[in-house]
Each structure stands twice: as structure tokens, then as C-alpha cells.
Amino acid sequence: MVETRFIVYPEGDTREIAHALRVNELVDLNGGPLGPPLPTARMIVYRIWKITTAAARHDQCVSYHLEQVTRPELDGLCARGG
């Protein structure tokens, strides 16, 4: 079975990625995992809030739905508050 993974941005755009993610994981614009402490609060960070799977006969599509992390949350995730 072939598995294809996509991140789904809040606006509905999608982008294929090569790795699996988890609910509540923080990612950058390209779907790359991020871990606190973040280097700065001046970056766009998303959180995986939902994962959906659609299966067909020989393939499976996994979609990781993103929500943007707010600036106050980012401040709390930074090493020095921003």
C-alpha cells in the first residue's frame, strides 16, 4: 500500500510531505517539526490539530490539518520570550 501525506493549511491549500506527524506537534511553513524552545517568536508556526485518513484500494492519503499558533503562545515557547 502506498501512503501519501499532506499538510493542510488553514486556508485550505495543501502540500505533500515525506514524514509522519502527530496531533499537537509544532511545524514550520513546510511541515518540518519544531520543538521548544523556539529561536524567536517572529516566525510562522503551525500546530497539527487534526489528522484524517482516506483509503482506496492500493493507496492511503493522510492529511495533517494545521492551525496557526498565536503570538502570545509563541512568546511562551521561546527561549527568551521573543
PDB file of N, CA and C in Angstrom:
ATOM      1  N   MET A   1       0.849  -1.185   0.000  1.00  0.00           N
ATOM      2  CA  MET A   1       0.000   0.000   0.000  1.00  0.00           C
ATOM      3  C   MET A   1       0.892   1.246   0.000  1.00  0.00           C
ATOM      4  N   VAL A   2       0.565   2.192  -0.833  1.00  0.00           N
ATOM      5  CA  VAL A   2       1.298   3.445  -0.925  1.00  0.00           C
ATOM      6  C   VAL A   2       0.623   4.468  -0.018  1.00  0.00           C
ATOM      7  N   GLU A   3       1.416   5.129   0.829  1.00  0.00           N
ATOM      8  CA  GLU A   3       0.859   6.158   1.701  1.00  0.00           C
ATOM      9  C   GLU A   3       1.387   7.517   1.272  1.00  0.00           C
ATOM     10  N   THR A   4       0.485   8.464   1.067  1.00  0.00           N
ATOM     11  CA  THR A   4       0.839   9.831   0.710  1.00  0.00           C
ATOM     12  C   THR A   4       0.404  10.728   1.857  1.00  0.00           C
ATOM     13  N   ARG A   5       1.282  11.659   2.242  1.00  0.00           N
ATOM     14  CA  ARG A   5       0.991  12.550   3.371  1.00  0.00           C
ATOM     15  C   ARG A   5       0.937  13.995   2.892  1.00  0.00           C
ATOM     16  N   PHE A   6      -0.017  14.749   3.428  1.00  0.00           N
ATOM     17  CA  PHE A   6      -0.180  16.156   3.091  1.00  0.00           C
ATOM     18  C   PHE A   6      -0.386  16.969   4.357  1.00  0.00           C
ATOM     19  N   ILE A   7       0.115  18.207   4.343  1.00  0.00           N
ATOM     20  CA  ILE A   7      -0.292  19.163   5.356  1.00  0.00           C
ATOM     21  C   ILE A   7      -1.376  20.023   4.716  1.00  0.00           C
ATOM     22  N   VAL A   8      -2.369  20.383   5.502  1.00  0.00           N
ATOM     23  CA  VAL A   8      -3.488  21.191   5.030  1.00  0.00           C
ATOM     24  C   VAL A   8      -3.464  22.503   5.815  1.00  0.00           C
ATOM     25  N   TYR A   9      -3.146  23.583   5.134  1.00  0.00           N
ATOM     26  CA  TYR A   9      -3.073  24.900   5.765  1.00  0.00           C
ATOM     27  C   TYR A   9      -4.471  25.394   6.127  1.00  0.00           C
ATOM     28  N   PRO A  10      -4.573  26.343   7.068  1.00  0.00           N
ATOM     29  CA  PRO A  10      -5.890  26.857   7.470  1.00  0.00           C
ATOM     30  C   PRO A  10      -6.725  27.393   6.303  1.00  0.00           C
ATOM     31  N   GLU A  11      -6.076  27.927   5.255  1.00  0.00           N
ATOM     32  CA  GLU A  11      -6.796  28.470   4.099  1.00  0.00           C
ATOM     33  C   GLU A  11      -7.296  27.380   3.169  1.00  0.00           C
ATOM     34  N   GLY A  12      -6.847  26.126   3.373  1.00  0.00           N
ATOM     35  CA  GLY A  12      -7.270  25.019   2.535  1.00  0.00           C
ATOM     36  C   GLY A  12      -6.224  24.537   1.544  1.00  0.00           C
ATOM     37  N   ASP A  13      -5.137  25.299   1.359  1.00  0.00           N
ATOM     38  CA  ASP A  13      -4.054  24.849   0.482  1.00  0.00           C
ATOM     39  C   ASP A  13      -3.414  23.602   1.065  1.00  0.00           C
ATOM     40  N   THR A  14      -2.823  22.771   0.200  1.00  0.00           N
ATOM     41  CA  THR A  14      -2.164  21.555   0.670  1.00  0.00           C
ATOM     42  C   THR A  14      -0.742  21.484   0.129  1.00  0.00           C
ATOM     43  N   ARG A  15       0.062  20.685   0.807  1.00  0.00           N
ATOM     44  CA  ARG A  15       1.447  20.462   0.378  1.00  0.00           C
ATOM     45  C   ARG A  15       1.837  19.050   0.784  1.00  0.00           C
ATOM     46  N   GLU A  16       2.416  18.313  -0.135  1.00  0.00           N
ATOM     47  CA  GLU A  16       2.843  16.947   0.177  1.00  0.00           C
ATOM     48  C   GLU A  16       4.109  16.981   1.027  1.00  0.00           C
ATOM     49  N   ILE A  17       4.166  16.095   2.015  1.00  0.00           N
ATOM     50  CA  ILE A  17       5.354  15.964   2.855  1.00  0.00           C
ATOM     51  C   ILE A  17       5.771  14.500   2.877  1.00  0.00           C
ATOM     52  N   ALA A  18       7.001  14.243   3.312  1.00  0.00           N
ATOM     53  CA  ALA A  18       7.534  12.881   3.272  1.00  0.00           C
ATOM     54  C   ALA A  18       7.540  12.186   4.626  1.00  0.00           C
ATOM     55  N   HIS A  19       7.106  12.855   5.684  1.00  0.00           N
ATOM     56  CA  HIS A  19       7.214  12.290   7.027  1.00  0.00           C
ATOM     57  C   HIS A  19       5.877  12.347   7.765  1.00  0.00           C
ATOM     58  N   ALA A  20       5.745  11.495   8.749  1.00  0.00           N
ATOM     59  CA  ALA A  20       4.534  11.470   9.573  1.00  0.00           C
ATOM     60  C   ALA A  20       4.629  12.523  10.674  1.00  0.00           C
ATOM     61  N   LEU A  21       3.471  13.012  11.119  1.00  0.00           N
ATOM     62  CA  LEU A  21       3.386  13.988  12.197  1.00  0.00           C
ATOM     63  C   LEU A  21       2.385  13.490  13.231  1.00  0.00           C
ATOM     64  N   ARG A  22       2.318  14.193  14.371  1.00  0.00           N
ATOM     65  CA  ARG A  22       1.395  13.830  15.453  1.00  0.00           C
ATOM     66  C   ARG A  22       0.501  15.019  15.806  1.00  0.00           C
ATOM     67  N   VAL A  23      -0.644  14.740  16.378  1.00  0.00           N
ATOM     68  CA  VAL A  23      -1.530  15.788  16.870  1.00  0.00           C
ATOM     69  C   VAL A  23      -0.779  16.599  17.930  1.00  0.00           C
ATOM     70  N   ASN A  24      -0.944  17.911  17.900  1.00  0.00           N
ATOM     71  CA  ASN A  24      -0.312  18.897  18.786  1.00  0.00           C
ATOM     72  C   ASN A  24       1.160  19.146  18.490  1.00  0.00           C
ATOM     73  N   GLU A  25       1.722  18.496  17.472  1.00  0.00           N
ATOM     74  CA  GLU A  25       3.110  18.753  17.102  1.00  0.00           C
ATOM     75  C   GLU A  25       3.200  20.120  16.432  1.00  0.00           C
ATOM     76  N   LEU A  26       4.274  20.853  16.698  1.00  0.00           N
ATOM     77  CA  LEU A  26       4.518  22.151  16.087  1.00  0.00           C
ATOM     78  C   LEU A  26       5.354  21.965  14.837  1.00  0.00           C
ATOM     79  N   VAL A  27       4.982  22.682  13.763  1.00  0.00           N
ATOM     80  CA  VAL A  27       5.707  22.581  12.499  1.00  0.00           C
ATOM     81  C   VAL A  27       5.921  23.967  11.902  1.00  0.00           C
ATOM     82  N   ASP A  28       6.901  24.059  10.991  1.00  0.00           N
ATOM     83  CA  ASP A  28       7.153  25.305  10.278  1.00  0.00           C
ATOM     84  C   ASP A  28       6.283  25.375   9.018  1.00  0.00           C
ATOM     85  N   LEU A  29       6.525  26.373   8.192  1.00  0.00           N
ATOM     86  CA  LEU A  29       5.737  26.574   6.962  1.00  0.00           C
ATOM     87  C   LEU A  29       5.753  25.381   6.021  1.00  0.00           C
ATOM     88  N   ASN A  30       6.821  24.605   6.046  1.00  0.00           N
ATOM     89  CA  ASN A  30       6.974  23.466   5.147  1.00  0.00           C
ATOM     90  C   ASN A  30       6.570  22.141   5.777  1.00  0.00           C
ATOM     91  N   GLY A  31       6.060  22.183   6.998  1.00  0.00           N
ATOM     92  CA  GLY A  31       5.667  20.954   7.679  1.00  0.00           C
ATOM     93  C   GLY A  31       6.795  20.291   8.433  1.00  0.00           C
ATOM     94  N   GLY A  32       7.927  20.973   8.563  1.00  0.00           N
ATOM     95  CA  GLY A  32       9.060  20.428   9.319  1.00  0.00           C
ATOM     96  C   GLY A  32       8.817  20.562  10.816  1.00  0.00           C
ATOM     97  N   PRO A  33       9.049  19.498  11.572  1.00  0.00           N
ATOM     98  CA  PRO A  33       8.814  19.546  13.023  1.00  0.00           C
ATOM     99  C   PRO A  33       9.676  20.590  13.727  1.00  0.00           C
ATOM    100  N   LEU A  34       9.083  21.254  14.711  1.00  0.00           N
ATOM    101  CA  LEU A  34       9.773  22.232  15.549  1.00  0.00           C
ATOM    102  C   LEU A  34       9.599  21.816  17.008  1.00  0.00           C
ATOM    103  N   GLY A  35      10.584  22.114  17.811  1.00  0.00           N
ATOM    104  CA  GLY A  35      10.461  21.831  19.236  1.00  0.00           C
ATOM    105  C   GLY A  35      10.893  23.020  20.051  1.00  0.00           C
ATOM    106  N   PRO A  36      10.195  23.253  21.163  1.00  0.00           N
ATOM    107  CA  PRO A  36      10.605  24.361  22.016  1.00  0.00           C
ATOM    108  C   PRO A  36      11.941  24.041  22.688  1.00  0.00           C
ATOM    109  N   PRO A  37      12.741  25.021  23.007  1.00  0.00           N
ATOM    110  CA  PRO A  37      12.441  26.441  22.817  1.00  0.00           C
ATOM    111  C   PRO A  37      12.679  26.873  21.364  1.00  0.00           C
ATOM    112  N   LEU A  38      11.773  27.714  20.880  1.00  0.00           N
ATOM    113  CA  LEU A  38      11.918  28.272  19.534  1.00  0.00           C
ATOM    114  C   LEU A  38      12.963  29.384  19.579  1.00  0.00           C
ATOM    115  N   PRO A  39      13.711  29.606  18.491  1.00  0.00           N
ATOM    116  CA  PRO A  39      14.747  30.643  18.495  1.00  0.00           C
ATOM    117  C   PRO A  39      14.180  32.062  18.585  1.00  0.00           C
ATOM    118  N   THR A  40      12.971  32.262  18.074  1.00  0.00           N
ATOM    119  CA  THR A  40      12.343  33.581  18.087  1.00  0.00           C
ATOM    120  C   THR A  40      10.828  33.427  17.954  1.00  0.00           C
ATOM    121  N   ALA A  41      10.095  34.428  18.409  1.00  0.00           N
ATOM    122  CA  ALA A  41       8.637  34.427  18.241  1.00  0.00           C
ATOM    123  C   ALA A  41       8.260  35.037  16.892  1.00  0.00           C
ATOM    124  N   ARG A  42       9.237  35.512  16.143  1.00  0.00           N
ATOM    125  CA  ARG A  42       8.989  36.141  14.847  1.00  0.00           C
ATOM    126  C   ARG A  42       9.086  35.112  13.727  1.00  0.00           C
ATOM    127  N   MET A  43       8.259  34.118  13.821  1.00  0.00           N
ATOM    128  CA  MET A  43       8.200  33.090  12.790  1.00  0.00           C
ATOM    129  C   MET A  43       6.779  32.566  12.712  1.00  0.00           C
ATOM    130  N   ILE A  44       6.443  31.986  11.576  1.00  0.00           N
ATOM    131  CA  ILE A  44       5.120  31.405  11.418  1.00  0.00           C
ATOM    132  C   ILE A  44       5.206  29.942  11.840  1.00  0.00           C
ATOM    133  N   VAL A  45       4.396  29.596  12.826  1.00  0.00           N
ATOM    134  CA  VAL A  45       4.394  28.244  13.377  1.00  0.00           C
ATOM    135  C   VAL A  45       2.966  27.716  13.355  1.00  0.00           C
ATOM    136  N   TYR A  46       2.831  26.469  12.991  1.00  0.00           N
ATOM    137  CA  TYR A  46       1.526  25.808  12.970  1.00  0.00           C
ATOM    138  C   TYR A  46       1.522  24.638  13.945  1.00  0.00           C
ATOM    139  N   ARG A  47       0.339  24.278  14.381  1.00  0.00           N
ATOM    140  CA  ARG A  47       0.130  23.112  15.237  1.00  0.00           C
ATOM    141  C   ARG A  47      -0.776  22.143  14.484  1.00  0.00           C
ATOM    142  N   ILE A  48      -0.483  20.844  14.570  1.00  0.00           N
ATOM    143  CA  ILE A  48      -1.349  19.826  13.991  1.00  0.00           C
ATOM    144  C   ILE A  48      -2.545  19.682  14.925  1.00  0.00           C
ATOM    145  N   TRP A  49      -3.743  19.975  14.439  1.00  0.00           N
ATOM    146  CA  TRP A  49      -4.920  19.884  15.300  1.00  0.00           C
ATOM    147  C   TRP A  49      -5.809  18.704  14.935  1.00  0.00           C
ATOM    148  N   LYS A  50      -5.623  18.139  13.739  1.00  0.00           N
ATOM    149  CA  LYS A  50      -6.454  17.010  13.325  1.00  0.00           C
ATOM    150  C   LYS A  50      -5.719  16.222  12.257  1.00  0.00           C
ATOM    151  N   ILE A  51      -5.916  14.911  12.279  1.00  0.00           N
ATOM    152  CA  ILE A  51      -5.355  14.035  11.253  1.00  0.00           C
ATOM    153  C   ILE A  51      -6.500  13.233  10.653  1.00  0.00           C
ATOM    154  N   THR A  52      -6.605  13.245   9.318  1.00  0.00           N
ATOM    155  CA  THR A  52      -7.633  12.450   8.646  1.00  0.00           C
ATOM    156  C   THR A  52      -6.957  11.499   7.661  1.00  0.00           C
ATOM    157  N   THR A  53      -7.616  10.377   7.425  1.00  0.00           N
ATOM    158  CA  THR A  53      -7.086   9.362   6.519  1.00  0.00           C
ATOM    159  C   THR A  53      -8.162   8.958   5.530  1.00  0.00           C
ATOM    160  N   ALA A  54      -7.783   8.891   4.266  1.00  0.00           N
ATOM    161  CA  ALA A  54      -8.678   8.411   3.214  1.00  0.00           C
ATOM    162  C   ALA A  54      -7.974   7.240   2.531  1.00  0.00           C
ATOM    163  N   ALA A  55      -8.629   6.101   2.520  1.00  0.00           N
ATOM    164  CA  ALA A  55      -8.017   4.903   1.934  1.00  0.00           C
ATOM    165  C   ALA A  55      -8.755   4.478   0.681  1.00  0.00           C
ATOM    166  N   ALA A  56      -7.980   4.077  -0.308  1.00  0.00           N
ATOM    167  CA  ALA A  56      -8.521   3.487  -1.529  1.00  0.00           C
ATOM    168  C   ALA A  56      -7.945   2.080  -1.627  1.00  0.00           C
ATOM    169  N   ARG A  57      -8.132   1.457  -2.752  1.00  0.00           N
ATOM    170  CA  ARG A  57      -7.721   0.061  -2.895  1.00  0.00           C
ATOM    171  C   ARG A  57      -6.223  -0.172  -2.635  1.00  0.00           C
ATOM    172  N   HIS A  58      -5.366   0.625  -3.254  1.00  0.00           N
ATOM    173  CA  HIS A  58      -3.925   0.406  -3.120  1.00  0.00           C
ATOM    174  C   HIS A  58      -3.166   1.606  -2.566  1.00  0.00           C
ATOM    175  N   ASP A  59      -3.877   2.594  -2.099  1.00  0.00           N
ATOM    176  CA  ASP A  59      -3.189   3.746  -1.536  1.00  0.00           C
ATOM    177  C   ASP A  59      -3.971   4.343  -0.383  1.00  0.00           C
ATOM    178  N   GLN A  60      -3.250   5.126   0.404  1.00  0.00           N
ATOM    179  CA  GLN A  60      -3.842   5.782   1.566  1.00  0.00           C
ATOM    180  C   GLN A  60      -3.323   7.211   1.602  1.00  0.00           C
ATOM    181  N   CYS A  61      -4.201   8.147   1.865  1.00  0.00           N
ATOM    182  CA  CYS A  61      -3.839   9.559   1.927  1.00  0.00           C
ATOM    183  C   CYS A  61      -4.060  10.045   3.360  1.00  0.00           C
ATOM    184  N   VAL A  62      -2.996  10.541   3.983  1.00  0.00           N
ATOM    185  CA  VAL A  62      -3.069  11.064   5.346  1.00  0.00           C
ATOM    186  C   VAL A  62      -2.945  12.579   5.267  1.00  0.00           C
ATOM    187  N   SER A  63      -3.907  13.280   5.853  1.00  0.00           N
ATOM    188  CA  SER A  63      -3.897  14.740   5.854  1.00  0.00           C
ATOM    189  C   SER A  63      -3.717  15.251   7.273  1.00  0.00           C
ATOM    190  N   TYR A  64      -2.742  16.128   7.445  1.00  0.00           N
ATOM    191  CA  TYR A  64      -2.456  16.750   8.739  1.00  0.00           C
ATOM    192  C   TYR A  64      -2.958  18.185   8.670  1.00  0.00           C
ATOM    193  N   HIS A  65      -4.005  18.484   9.407  1.00  0.00           N
ATOM    194  CA  HIS A  65      -4.644  19.796   9.369  1.00  0.00           C
ATOM    195  C   HIS A  65      -3.938  20.734  10.356  1.00  0.00           C
ATOM    196  N   LEU A  66      -3.604  21.932   9.863  1.00  0.00           N
ATOM    197  CA  LEU A  66      -2.830  22.891  10.638  1.00  0.00           C
ATOM    198  C   LEU A  66      -3.688  24.028  11.174  1.00  0.00           C
ATOM    199  N   GLU A  67      -3.282  24.543  12.329  1.00  0.00           N
ATOM    200  CA  GLU A  67      -3.814  25.808  12.854  1.00  0.00           C
ATOM    201  C   GLU A  67      -2.608  26.659  13.216  1.00  0.00           C
ATOM    202  N   GLN A  68      -2.697  27.954  12.954  1.00  0.00           N
ATOM    203  CA  GLN A  68      -1.572  28.831  13.240  1.00  0.00           C
ATOM    204  C   GLN A  68      -1.489  29.115  14.732  1.00  0.00           C
ATOM    205  N   VAL A  69      -0.276  29.057  15.257  1.00  0.00           N
ATOM    206  CA  VAL A  69      -0.027  29.356  16.662  1.00  0.00           C
ATOM    207  C   VAL A  69      -0.001  30.876  16.828  1.00  0.00           C
ATOM    208  N   THR A  70      -0.667  31.383  17.850  1.00  0.00           N
ATOM    209  CA  THR A  70      -0.758  32.832  18.066  1.00  0.00           C
ATOM    210  C   THR A  70       0.536  33.396  18.645  1.00  0.00           C
ATOM    211  N   ARG A  71       0.709  34.701  18.500  1.00  0.00           N
ATOM    212  CA  ARG A  71       1.921  35.360  19.003  1.00  0.00           C
ATOM    213  C   ARG A  71       2.101  35.169  20.512  1.00  0.00           C
ATOM    214  N   PRO A  72       1.059  35.332  21.333  1.00  0.00           N
ATOM    215  CA  PRO A  72       1.261  35.090  22.772  1.00  0.00           C
ATOM    216  C   PRO A  72       1.742  33.659  23.069  1.00  0.00           C
ATOM    217  N   GLU A  73       1.229  32.676  22.334  1.00  0.00           N
ATOM    218  CA  GLU A  73       1.697  31.305  22.518  1.00  0.00           C
ATOM    219  C   GLU A  73       3.152  31.172  22.106  1.00  0.00           C
ATOM    220  N   LEU A  74       3.523  31.812  20.985  1.00  0.00           N
ATOM    221  CA  LEU A  74       4.913  31.772  20.526  1.00  0.00           C
ATOM    222  C   LEU A  74       5.863  32.374  21.551  1.00  0.00           C
ATOM    223  N   ASP A  75       5.451  33.493  22.149  1.00  0.00           N
ATOM    224  CA  ASP A  75       6.280  34.132  23.176  1.00  0.00           C
ATOM    225  C   ASP A  75       6.591  33.144  24.292  1.00  0.00           C
ATOM    226  N   GLY A  76       5.604  32.334  24.671  1.00  0.00           N
ATOM    227  CA  GLY A  76       5.807  31.364  25.737  1.00  0.00           C
ATOM    228  C   GLY A  76       6.662  30.173  25.328  1.00  0.00           C
ATOM    229  N   LEU A  77       6.831  29.963  24.028  1.00  0.00           N
ATOM    230  CA  LEU A  77       7.625  28.821  23.532  1.00  0.00           C
ATOM    231  C   LEU A  77       9.078  29.199  23.228  1.00  0.00           C
ATOM    232  N   CYS A  78       9.399  30.477  23.342  1.00  0.00           N
ATOM    233  CA  CYS A  78      10.749  30.950  23.015  1.00  0.00           C
ATOM    234  C   CYS A  78      11.674  30.854  24.215  1.00  0.00           C
ATOM    235  N   ALA A  79      12.966  30.720  23.911  1.00  0.00           N
ATOM    236  CA  ALA A  79      13.987  30.633  24.956  1.00  0.00           C
ATOM    237  C   ALA A  79      14.040  31.925  25.785  1.00  0.00           C
ATOM    238  N   ARG A  80      13.858  33.082  25.117  1.00  0.00           N
ATOM    239  CA  ARG A  80      13.962  34.366  25.819  1.00  0.00           C
ATOM    240  C   ARG A  80      12.731  35.234  25.631  1.00  0.00           C
ATOM    241  N   GLY A  81      11.605  34.626  25.286  1.00  0.00           N
ATOM    242  CA  GLY A  81      10.377  35.389  25.150  1.00  0.00           C
ATOM    243  C   GLY A  81      10.260  36.227  23.899  1.00  0.00           C
ATOM    244  N   GLY A  82      11.036  35.935  22.854  1.00  0.00           N
ATOM    245  CA  GLY A  82      10.817  36.646  21.614  1.00  0.00           C
ATOM    246  C   GLY A  82      12.021  37.296  21.069  1.00  0.00           C
TER     247      GLY A  82
END
